[in-house]
C-alpha cells in the first residue's frame, strides 16, 4: 500500500506492487493519484475495497513485455479526485501507484 502523505506537495515513495488487494488507503488530503500497469496482464481497478475481474470500475491493459512502458494507466489529478480506498485485481499484477 502506498504511504499516505499529509503534505499535498509530496508524492508517496514509488514501489512496484505485485499482489492484488487495496493499493491506496482512504486519504481525505489526496490531491491526485495514478496507477500504471508495468506488467503484461490487465489490471482491474475498483474505487473501493474488493476489486475482482467481475467487479471493477476501470481496466488497464498490460504491456507487451515486462516494464516496457507500453502498459496502460489510469489517473485522477484534476476535478473531483476520489479520496477513498482503491483496490486492484488481476492475474500476476505488476503496477506502480502514485499518490499526491
Protein backbone atom coordinates (compact mmCIF):
# COMPACT_ATOMS: atom_id res chain seq x y z
CA UNK A 1 0.00 0.00 0.00
CA UNK A 2 1.22 3.50 -0.77
CA UNK A 3 2.41 5.74 2.05
CA UNK A 4 -0.18 8.38 2.91
CA UNK A 5 1.28 11.87 2.61
CA UNK A 6 -0.21 14.83 4.51
CA UNK A 7 1.77 17.43 2.53
CA UNK A 8 -0.01 17.78 -0.85
CA UNK A 9 3.25 18.87 -2.48
CA UNK A 10 4.92 15.48 -1.98
CA UNK A 11 4.23 12.13 -3.61
CA UNK A 12 4.36 8.73 -1.98
CA UNK A 13 7.59 6.73 -2.29
CA UNK A 14 7.29 4.72 -5.52
CA UNK A 15 7.22 0.95 -5.24
CA UNK A 16 6.18 -1.84 -7.57
CA UNK A 17 3.06 -3.64 -6.32
CA UNK A 18 2.83 -7.33 -7.27
CA UNK A 19 -0.26 -8.54 -5.44
CA UNK A 20 -3.98 -7.90 -5.70
CA UNK A 21 -5.82 -6.03 -2.94
CA UNK A 22 -6.01 -2.49 -1.60
CA UNK A 23 -3.29 -0.30 -3.13
CA UNK A 24 -4.33 3.08 -1.65
CA UNK A 25 -5.83 3.73 1.76
CA UNK A 26 -8.59 6.30 2.13
CA UNK A 27 -7.00 9.76 2.31
CA UNK A 28 -9.11 12.92 2.53
CA UNK A 29 -5.96 15.00 1.80
CA UNK A 30 -5.37 13.26 -1.54
CA UNK A 31 -4.77 15.75 -4.35
CA UNK A 32 -4.37 13.14 -7.09
CA UNK A 33 -3.40 9.56 -7.80
CA UNK A 34 -2.45 7.23 -10.64
CA UNK A 35 -1.84 3.58 -11.40
CA UNK A 36 0.40 2.44 -14.24
CA UNK A 37 0.45 -1.18 -15.35
CA UNK A 38 4.09 -2.28 -15.78
CA UNK A 39 3.21 -5.94 -16.23
CA UNK A 40 1.78 -7.86 -19.16
CA UNK A 41 -1.69 -8.75 -17.84
CA UNK A 42 -4.73 -6.46 -17.47
CA UNK A 43 -5.33 -4.82 -14.08
CA UNK A 44 -8.85 -4.23 -12.78
CA UNK A 45 -9.33 -1.13 -10.58
CA UNK A 46 -12.17 -0.63 -8.11
CA UNK A 47 -12.84 2.62 -6.29
CA UNK A 48 -13.46 0.70 -3.06
CA UNK A 49 -12.03 -2.41 -1.48
CA UNK A 50 -12.69 -5.80 -3.09
CA UNK A 51 -11.72 -5.39 -6.76
CA UNK A 52 -12.16 -8.51 -8.90
CA UNK A 53 -12.23 -9.37 -12.58
CA UNK A 54 -16.02 -9.10 -12.44
CA UNK A 55 -16.44 -6.14 -10.03
CA UNK A 56 -14.37 -3.13 -11.10
CA UNK A 57 -14.60 0.47 -12.35
CA UNK A 58 -11.68 0.55 -14.81
CA UNK A 59 -9.43 -1.94 -16.56
CA UNK A 60 -5.97 -1.01 -17.78
CA UNK A 61 -4.11 -3.05 -20.38
CA UNK A 62 -0.77 -4.70 -19.87
CA UNK A 63 2.33 -4.04 -21.91
CA UNK A 64 3.77 -6.39 -24.49
CA UNK A 65 6.81 -7.05 -22.29
CA UNK A 66 7.70 -6.68 -18.63
CA UNK A 67 8.19 -2.99 -17.67
CA UNK A 68 8.32 -1.92 -21.34
CA UNK A 69 6.37 1.33 -20.76
CA UNK A 70 3.51 0.20 -23.01
CA UNK A 71 1.07 -0.76 -20.24
CA UNK A 72 -1.98 1.39 -19.67
CA UNK A 73 -2.58 3.80 -16.83
CA UNK A 74 -5.43 5.48 -15.01
CA UNK A 75 -5.14 8.77 -13.14
CA UNK A 76 -7.15 11.44 -11.34
CA UNK A 77 -5.33 14.75 -10.84
CA UNK A 78 -7.99 17.31 -11.80
CA UNK A 79 -11.61 17.95 -10.94
CA UNK A 80 -13.21 15.63 -8.43
CA UNK A 81 -10.45 13.36 -7.10
CA UNK A 82 -11.60 10.16 -5.38
CA UNK A 83 -10.26 10.01 -1.80
CA UNK A 84 -11.41 6.54 -0.72
CA UNK A 85 -9.79 3.12 -0.83
CA UNK A 86 -8.53 1.97 -4.24
CA UNK A 87 -8.11 -1.75 -4.88
CA UNK A 88 -6.88 -3.82 -7.81
CA UNK A 89 -7.27 -7.35 -9.13
CA UNK A 90 -5.73 -9.34 -11.94
CA UNK A 91 -3.53 -12.31 -12.78
CA UNK A 92 0.01 -11.68 -11.50
CA UNK A 93 -0.44 -7.88 -11.37
CA UNK A 94 2.57 -5.59 -11.56
CA UNK A 95 1.93 -1.88 -11.18
CA UNK A 96 3.21 1.42 -9.84
CA UNK A 97 0.91 3.59 -7.71
CA UNK A 98 1.40 7.34 -7.26
CA UNK A 99 -0.44 9.43 -4.68
CA UNK A 100 -0.05 13.15 -4.09
